[in-house]
Amino acid sequence: MPLTLPKAVLFDWDNTLANSFLPIHQTLNHTFRYMGRELWSMAETRKNVGASLRDNFPLLFGDRWREAAKVFYKHFEGHHLKGIEPMPGADDVLSVLKEAGAFVGIVSNKRGDYLRREVDYLGWNDYFATIVGANDATEDKPATAPVYLALQGSGTVPGPDVWFVGDNALDVSCAESSGCLPILVSGVDDWSAEFPPPEWRFDDCFELASCIRNIRCSALP
């Protein structure tokens, strides 16, 4: 099925639009060190980070997860803007969508207040009609609640004319559960056979932006 211009596009944040794994990695290892746990390599961080803290930390730390969360956020507060930068082509695809007049939002598992600070830090507030992070909805990705929250006021509901753009299986699962069209960018090379990638997969946001331009051109009378 060929792609058509979407009514709305929802983006994941980390490793989709923003390269922000370094402060996440450093803060996780700071927390692991405090909790007496073995540290992770960057590859392990990239592989295992995706779920929100309120979903993931009980699995990592058991009954001490709230203590670990306090340690994590105390460190993250002073470090999460250091080293953050746009993913390749992120400015390009956001500009193209703005020109097309699409409703654009973010659905991330990063806590909402930190997420909005990072968007502001990169100077991208004007690109987004809505920014939904962890704890903003009743549940976090891959639950569908943040998708519905993000689309409030958009005039549309989840469906194939709403693109959900992300970088991992959790994003694809969220898109499929909510009925949106899953689109993968910056996909990992060792994608698990347990989670087949979606039909639409792009190497980076530059490639996605080029695709959108081509769709717009072909739609002209």
C-alpha atoms as a PDB file:
ATOM      1  CA  MET A   1       0.000   0.000   0.000  1.00  0.00           C
ATOM      2  CA  PRO A   2       1.522   3.379  -0.993  1.00  0.00           C
ATOM      3  CA  LEU A   3       1.974   6.096   1.595  1.00  0.00           C
ATOM      4  CA  THR A   4      -0.373   9.066   1.478  1.00  0.00           C
ATOM      5  CA  LEU A   5      -0.050  12.363   3.318  1.00  0.00           C
ATOM      6  CA  PRO A   6      -1.053  11.863   6.963  1.00  0.00           C
ATOM      7  CA  LYS A   7      -3.533  13.950   8.911  1.00  0.00           C
ATOM      8  CA  ALA A   8      -1.296  13.737  11.961  1.00  0.00           C
ATOM      9  CA  VAL A   9       2.186  12.501  12.825  1.00  0.00           C
ATOM     10  CA  LEU A  10       3.245  11.416  16.311  1.00  0.00           C
ATOM     11  CA  PHE A  11       6.959  11.038  16.993  1.00  0.00           C
ATOM     12  CA  ASP A  12       8.876   9.170  19.615  1.00  0.00           C
ATOM     13  CA  TRP A  13      11.638  11.348  21.058  1.00  0.00           C
ATOM     14  CA  ASP A  14      14.843   9.583  22.168  1.00  0.00           C
ATOM     15  CA  ASN A  15      16.817   8.156  19.240  1.00  0.00           C
ATOM     16  CA  THR A  16      14.043   9.215  16.839  1.00  0.00           C
ATOM     17  CA  LEU A  17      14.217  13.023  16.886  1.00  0.00           C
ATOM     18  CA  ALA A  18      16.815  13.601  19.609  1.00  0.00           C
ATOM     19  CA  ASN A  19      20.164  11.974  20.249  1.00  0.00           C
ATOM     20  CA  SER A  20      20.006  11.926  24.029  1.00  0.00           C
ATOM     21  CA  PHE A  21      21.295   8.518  25.046  1.00  0.00           C
ATOM     22  CA  LEU A  22      24.516   9.779  26.632  1.00  0.00           C
ATOM     23  CA  PRO A  23      22.879  11.510  29.639  1.00  0.00           C
ATOM     24  CA  ILE A  24      20.428   8.611  29.979  1.00  0.00           C
ATOM     25  CA  HIS A  25      23.289   6.116  29.953  1.00  0.00           C
ATOM     26  CA  GLN A  26      25.368   8.107  32.441  1.00  0.00           C
ATOM     27  CA  THR A  27      22.430   8.591  34.799  1.00  0.00           C
ATOM     28  CA  LEU A  28      21.431   4.937  34.676  1.00  0.00           C
ATOM     29  CA  ASN A  29      24.968   3.870  35.568  1.00  0.00           C
ATOM     30  CA  HIS A  30      25.051   6.450  38.359  1.00  0.00           C
ATOM     31  CA  THR A  31      21.870   4.817  39.686  1.00  0.00           C
ATOM     32  CA  PHE A  32      23.192   1.285  39.225  1.00  0.00           C
ATOM     33  CA  ARG A  33      26.364   2.221  41.078  1.00  0.00           C
ATOM     34  CA  TYR A  34      24.356   3.642  44.000  1.00  0.00           C
ATOM     35  CA  MET A  35      22.131   0.570  44.091  1.00  0.00           C
ATOM     36  CA  GLY A  36      25.085  -1.834  43.959  1.00  0.00           C
ATOM     37  CA  ARG A  37      24.235  -3.146  40.523  1.00  0.00           C
ATOM     38  CA  GLU A  38      26.479  -4.027  37.587  1.00  0.00           C
ATOM     39  CA  LEU A  39      26.897  -1.155  35.140  1.00  0.00           C
ATOM     40  CA  TRP A  40      25.584  -1.240  31.580  1.00  0.00           C
ATOM     41  CA  SER A  41      27.493  -0.630  28.388  1.00  0.00           C
ATOM     42  CA  MET A  42      26.067   1.931  25.974  1.00  0.00           C
ATOM     43  CA  ALA A  43      24.883  -0.948  23.793  1.00  0.00           C
ATOM     44  CA  GLU A  44      22.989  -2.424  26.742  1.00  0.00           C
ATOM     45  CA  THR A  45      21.414   0.956  27.488  1.00  0.00           C
ATOM     46  CA  ARG A  46      20.259   1.343  23.892  1.00  0.00           C
ATOM     47  CA  LYS A  47      18.851  -2.174  23.906  1.00  0.00           C
ATOM     48  CA  ASN A  48      17.065  -2.018  27.252  1.00  0.00           C
ATOM     49  CA  VAL A  49      15.820   1.571  27.496  1.00  0.00           C
ATOM     50  CA  GLY A  50      12.422   2.179  25.971  1.00  0.00           C
ATOM     51  CA  ALA A  51       9.779   1.654  28.615  1.00  0.00           C
ATOM     52  CA  SER A  52       8.968   4.479  31.005  1.00  0.00           C
ATOM     53  CA  LEU A  53      10.655   4.625  34.395  1.00  0.00           C
ATOM     54  CA  ARG A  54       7.434   3.800  36.242  1.00  0.00           C
ATOM     55  CA  ASP A  55       7.108   0.629  34.133  1.00  0.00           C
ATOM     56  CA  ASN A  56      10.789  -0.358  33.972  1.00  0.00           C
ATOM     57  CA  PHE A  57      12.271   0.445  37.389  1.00  0.00           C
ATOM     58  CA  PRO A  58      10.090  -2.025  39.351  1.00  0.00           C
ATOM     59  CA  LEU A  59      11.481  -4.727  37.051  1.00  0.00           C
ATOM     60  CA  LEU A  60      15.067  -3.549  37.540  1.00  0.00           C
ATOM     61  CA  PHE A  61      15.039  -2.746  41.257  1.00  0.00           C
ATOM     62  CA  GLY A  62      12.062  -4.531  42.770  1.00  0.00           C
ATOM     63  CA  ASP A  63      10.799  -3.080  46.043  1.00  0.00           C
ATOM     64  CA  ARG A  64      13.560  -0.432  46.011  1.00  0.00           C
ATOM     65  CA  TRP A  65      12.472   1.068  42.687  1.00  0.00           C
ATOM     66  CA  ARG A  66      11.171   4.311  44.215  1.00  0.00           C
ATOM     67  CA  GLU A  67      14.502   4.856  45.961  1.00  0.00           C
ATOM     68  CA  ALA A  68      16.279   4.207  42.656  1.00  0.00           C
ATOM     69  CA  ALA A  69      13.933   6.627  40.871  1.00  0.00           C
ATOM     70  CA  LYS A  70      14.827   9.428  43.309  1.00  0.00           C
ATOM     71  CA  VAL A  71      18.533   8.812  42.702  1.00  0.00           C
ATOM     72  CA  PHE A  72      18.004   8.725  38.946  1.00  0.00           C
ATOM     73  CA  TYR A  73      16.004  11.946  38.722  1.00  0.00           C
ATOM     74  CA  LYS A  74      18.291  13.878  41.099  1.00  0.00           C
ATOM     75  CA  HIS A  75      21.222  13.140  38.782  1.00  0.00           C
ATOM     76  CA  PHE A  76      19.252  13.468  35.538  1.00  0.00           C
ATOM     77  CA  GLU A  77      17.997  16.936  36.528  1.00  0.00           C
ATOM     78  CA  GLY A  78      21.468  18.405  36.182  1.00  0.00           C
ATOM     79  CA  HIS A  79      22.654  16.402  33.191  1.00  0.00           C
ATOM     80  CA  HIS A  80      19.869  15.686  30.701  1.00  0.00           C
ATOM     81  CA  LEU A  81      20.509  18.755  28.510  1.00  0.00           C
ATOM     82  CA  LYS A  82      24.238  18.079  28.248  1.00  0.00           C
ATOM     83  CA  GLY A  83      25.152  16.565  24.911  1.00  0.00           C
ATOM     84  CA  ILE A  84      21.614  16.395  23.531  1.00  0.00           C
ATOM     85  CA  GLU A  85      21.436  17.106  19.799  1.00  0.00           C
ATOM     86  CA  PRO A  86      19.045  16.518  16.893  1.00  0.00           C
ATOM     87  CA  MET A  87      19.103  13.161  15.159  1.00  0.00           C
ATOM     88  CA  PRO A  88      20.226  13.367  11.509  1.00  0.00           C
ATOM     89  CA  GLY A  89      17.462  14.910   9.428  1.00  0.00           C
ATOM     90  CA  ALA A  90      15.170  15.704  12.357  1.00  0.00           C
ATOM     91  CA  ASP A  91      15.011  19.428  11.558  1.00  0.00           C
ATOM     92  CA  ASP A  92      14.380  18.549   7.922  1.00  0.00           C
ATOM     93  CA  VAL A  93      11.424  16.246   8.483  1.00  0.00           C
ATOM     94  CA  LEU A  94       9.841  18.593  11.037  1.00  0.00           C
ATOM     95  CA  SER A  95      10.149  21.518   8.619  1.00  0.00           C
ATOM     96  CA  VAL A  96       8.558  19.509   5.789  1.00  0.00           C
ATOM     97  CA  LEU A  97       5.633  18.506   7.990  1.00  0.00           C
ATOM     98  CA  LYS A  98       5.142  22.087   9.139  1.00  0.00           C
ATOM     99  CA  GLU A  99       5.039  23.233   5.510  1.00  0.00           C
ATOM    100  CA  ALA A 100       2.485  20.498   4.783  1.00  0.00           C
ATOM    101  CA  GLY A 101       0.275  21.723   7.627  1.00  0.00           C
ATOM    102  CA  ALA A 102       0.192  18.369   9.412  1.00  0.00           C
ATOM    103  CA  PHE A 103      -0.725  18.045  13.080  1.00  0.00           C
ATOM    104  CA  VAL A 104       2.550  16.983  14.723  1.00  0.00           C
ATOM    105  CA  GLY A 105       3.084  15.740  18.251  1.00  0.00           C
ATOM    106  CA  ILE A 106       5.415  13.753  20.475  1.00  0.00           C
ATOM    107  CA  VAL A 107       4.576  10.622  22.442  1.00  0.00           C
ATOM    108  CA  SER A 108       7.568   9.670  24.575  1.00  0.00           C
ATOM    109  CA  ASN A 109       8.330   7.556  27.608  1.00  0.00           C
ATOM    110  CA  LYS A 110      10.617  10.273  28.960  1.00  0.00           C
ATOM    111  CA  ARG A 111       8.965  12.089  31.872  1.00  0.00           C
ATOM    112  CA  GLY A 112       6.898  14.924  30.493  1.00  0.00           C
ATOM    113  CA  ASP A 113       8.568  17.837  32.280  1.00  0.00           C
ATOM    114  CA  TYR A 114      12.050  16.779  31.136  1.00  0.00           C
ATOM    115  CA  LEU A 115      10.780  16.090  27.634  1.00  0.00           C
ATOM    116  CA  ARG A 116       9.324  19.580  27.274  1.00  0.00           C
ATOM    117  CA  ARG A 117      12.550  21.158  28.554  1.00  0.00           C
ATOM    118  CA  GLU A 118      14.522  19.259  25.917  1.00  0.00           C
ATOM    119  CA  VAL A 119      12.166  20.324  23.126  1.00  0.00           C
ATOM    120  CA  ASP A 120      12.526  23.919  24.273  1.00  0.00           C
ATOM    121  CA  TYR A 121      16.324  23.568  24.536  1.00  0.00           C
ATOM    122  CA  LEU A 122      16.504  22.503  20.877  1.00  0.00           C
ATOM    123  CA  GLY A 123      14.246  25.412  19.863  1.00  0.00           C
ATOM    124  CA  TRP A 124      11.527  23.132  18.474  1.00  0.00           C
ATOM    125  CA  ASN A 125       8.417  24.269  20.326  1.00  0.00           C
ATOM    126  CA  ASP A 126       6.846  25.712  17.184  1.00  0.00           C
ATOM    127  CA  TYR A 127       6.943  22.354  15.436  1.00  0.00           C
ATOM    128  CA  PHE A 128       4.642  20.572  17.878  1.00  0.00           C
ATOM    129  CA  ALA A 129       0.967  20.976  18.631  1.00  0.00           C
ATOM    130  CA  THR A 130       1.221  18.555  21.540  1.00  0.00           C
ATOM    131  CA  ILE A 131       3.977  16.994  23.669  1.00  0.00           C
ATOM    132  CA  VAL A 132       3.059  13.954  25.773  1.00  0.00           C
ATOM    133  CA  GLY A 133       5.606  12.304  28.027  1.00  0.00           C
ATOM    134  CA  ALA A 134       5.623   9.617  30.677  1.00  0.00           C
ATOM    135  CA  ASN A 135       3.163  10.185  33.545  1.00  0.00           C
ATOM    136  CA  ASP A 136       1.110  12.665  31.472  1.00  0.00           C
ATOM    137  CA  ALA A 137      -1.464   9.989  30.597  1.00  0.00           C
ATOM    138  CA  THR A 138      -2.905   7.264  32.792  1.00  0.00           C
ATOM    139  CA  GLU A 139      -0.457   4.785  31.221  1.00  0.00           C
ATOM    140  CA  ASP A 140       2.712   5.046  29.134  1.00  0.00           C
ATOM    141  CA  LYS A 141       3.730   3.426  25.829  1.00  0.00           C
ATOM    142  CA  PRO A 142       3.028   0.799  24.606  1.00  0.00           C
ATOM    143  CA  ALA A 143      -0.409   1.525  26.096  1.00  0.00           C
ATOM    144  CA  THR A 144      -2.659   3.570  23.829  1.00  0.00           C
ATOM    145  CA  ALA A 145      -3.622   6.217  26.409  1.00  0.00           C
ATOM    146  CA  PRO A 146      -0.816   8.680  25.484  1.00  0.00           C
ATOM    147  CA  VAL A 147      -1.735   8.414  21.786  1.00  0.00           C
ATOM    148  CA  TYR A 148      -5.328   9.441  22.487  1.00  0.00           C
ATOM    149  CA  LEU A 149      -4.137  12.231  24.769  1.00  0.00           C
ATOM    150  CA  ALA A 150      -1.736  13.527  22.108  1.00  0.00           C
ATOM    151  CA  LEU A 151      -4.473  13.631  19.475  1.00  0.00           C
ATOM    152  CA  GLN A 152      -6.931  15.605  21.593  1.00  0.00           C
ATOM    153  CA  GLY A 153      -7.771  18.775  19.721  1.00  0.00           C
ATOM    154  CA  SER A 154      -6.334  17.511  16.441  1.00  0.00           C
ATOM    155  CA  GLY A 155      -9.683  16.802  14.827  1.00  0.00           C
ATOM    156  CA  THR A 156      -8.634  13.232  14.083  1.00  0.00           C
ATOM    157  CA  VAL A 157      -8.537   9.884  15.856  1.00  0.00           C
ATOM    158  CA  PRO A 158      -5.993   7.073  15.710  1.00  0.00           C
ATOM    159  CA  GLY A 159      -6.075   5.339  12.348  1.00  0.00           C
ATOM    160  CA  PRO A 160      -3.972   4.639   9.251  1.00  0.00           C
ATOM    161  CA  ASP A 161      -3.888   8.353   8.380  1.00  0.00           C
ATOM    162  CA  VAL A 162      -2.023   8.975  11.653  1.00  0.00           C
ATOM    163  CA  TRP A 163       1.657   8.063  11.463  1.00  0.00           C
ATOM    164  CA  PHE A 164       3.488   6.910  14.562  1.00  0.00           C
ATOM    165  CA  VAL A 165       7.220   7.371  13.945  1.00  0.00           C
ATOM    166  CA  GLY A 166       9.658   5.651  16.283  1.00  0.00           C
ATOM    167  CA  ASP A 167      12.852   3.656  16.533  1.00  0.00           C
ATOM    168  CA  ASN A 168      12.019   0.431  18.362  1.00  0.00           C
ATOM    169  CA  ALA A 169       9.591  -2.436  18.826  1.00  0.00           C
ATOM    170  CA  LEU A 170       7.783  -0.692  21.671  1.00  0.00           C
ATOM    171  CA  ASP A 171       6.883   2.191  19.330  1.00  0.00           C
ATOM    172  CA  VAL A 172       5.687  -0.233  16.668  1.00  0.00           C
ATOM    173  CA  SER A 173       3.575  -2.063  19.251  1.00  0.00           C
ATOM    174  CA  CYS A 174       2.020   1.184  20.454  1.00  0.00           C
ATOM    175  CA  ALA A 175       1.240   2.243  16.891  1.00  0.00           C
ATOM    176  CA  GLU A 176      -0.365  -1.065  15.996  1.00  0.00           C
ATOM    177  CA  SER A 177      -2.376  -1.269  19.235  1.00  0.00           C
ATOM    178  CA  SER A 178      -3.821   2.196  18.666  1.00  0.00           C
ATOM    179  CA  GLY A 179      -4.494   1.633  14.956  1.00  0.00           C
ATOM    180  CA  CYS A 180      -1.895   4.149  13.739  1.00  0.00           C
ATOM    181  CA  LEU A 181       0.516   3.483  10.890  1.00  0.00           C
ATOM    182  CA  PRO A 182       3.887   2.415  12.340  1.00  0.00           C
ATOM    183  CA  ILE A 183       6.936   3.967  10.691  1.00  0.00           C
ATOM    184  CA  LEU A 184      10.441   3.082  11.780  1.00  0.00           C
ATOM    185  CA  VAL A 185      13.437   5.426  11.582  1.00  0.00           C
ATOM    186  CA  SER A 186      16.920   4.957  13.027  1.00  0.00           C
ATOM    187  CA  GLY A 187      16.040   1.291  13.411  1.00  0.00           C
ATOM    188  CA  VAL A 188      18.472  -0.949  15.207  1.00  0.00           C
ATOM    189  CA  ASP A 189      20.419  -3.399  13.053  1.00  0.00           C
ATOM    190  CA  ASP A 190      19.770  -6.387  15.320  1.00  0.00           C
ATOM    191  CA  TRP A 191      15.983  -6.141  15.213  1.00  0.00           C
ATOM    192  CA  SER A 192      14.490  -9.113  17.012  1.00  0.00           C
ATOM    193  CA  ALA A 193      12.646 -11.676  14.917  1.00  0.00           C
ATOM    194  CA  GLU A 194      10.041 -11.681  17.699  1.00  0.00           C
ATOM    195  CA  PHE A 195       9.000  -8.194  16.601  1.00  0.00           C
ATOM    196  CA  PRO A 196       8.921  -7.970  12.797  1.00  0.00           C
ATOM    197  CA  PRO A 197       9.626  -4.406  11.642  1.00  0.00           C
ATOM    198  CA  PRO A 198       6.785  -2.497  10.014  1.00  0.00           C
ATOM    199  CA  GLU A 199       6.344  -2.225   6.272  1.00  0.00           C
ATOM    200  CA  TRP A 200       7.652   1.337   6.291  1.00  0.00           C
ATOM    201  CA  ARG A 201      11.220   1.696   7.502  1.00  0.00           C
ATOM    202  CA  PHE A 202      13.661   4.544   6.839  1.00  0.00           C
ATOM    203  CA  ASP A 203      17.360   4.847   7.581  1.00  0.00           C
ATOM    204  CA  ASP A 204      16.943   8.316   9.092  1.00  0.00           C
ATOM    205  CA  CYS A 205      14.733  11.386   9.137  1.00  0.00           C
ATOM    206  CA  PHE A 206      16.370  12.739   5.966  1.00  0.00           C
ATOM    207  CA  GLU A 207      14.991   9.744   4.082  1.00  0.00           C
ATOM    208  CA  LEU A 208      11.564  10.158   5.683  1.00  0.00           C
ATOM    209  CA  ALA A 209      11.514  13.864   4.757  1.00  0.00           C
ATOM    210  CA  SER A 210      12.386  13.017   1.151  1.00  0.00           C
ATOM    211  CA  CYS A 211       9.519  10.536   1.047  1.00  0.00           C
ATOM    212  CA  ILE A 212       7.069  13.155   2.341  1.00  0.00           C
ATOM    213  CA  ARG A 213       8.260  15.640  -0.284  1.00  0.00           C
ATOM    214  CA  ASN A 214       7.667  13.062  -2.996  1.00  0.00           C
ATOM    215  CA  ILE A 215       4.182  12.334  -1.696  1.00  0.00           C
ATOM    216  CA  ARG A 216       3.376  16.060  -1.682  1.00  0.00           C
ATOM    217  CA  CYS A 217       4.656  16.479  -5.246  1.00  0.00           C
ATOM    218  CA  SER A 218       2.674  13.515  -6.535  1.00  0.00           C
ATOM    219  CA  ALA A 219      -0.472  14.910  -4.882  1.00  0.00           C
ATOM    220  CA  LEU A 220      -0.259  18.205  -6.754  1.00  0.00           C
ATOM    221  CA  PRO A 221      -2.778  18.647  -9.617  1.00  0.00           C
END
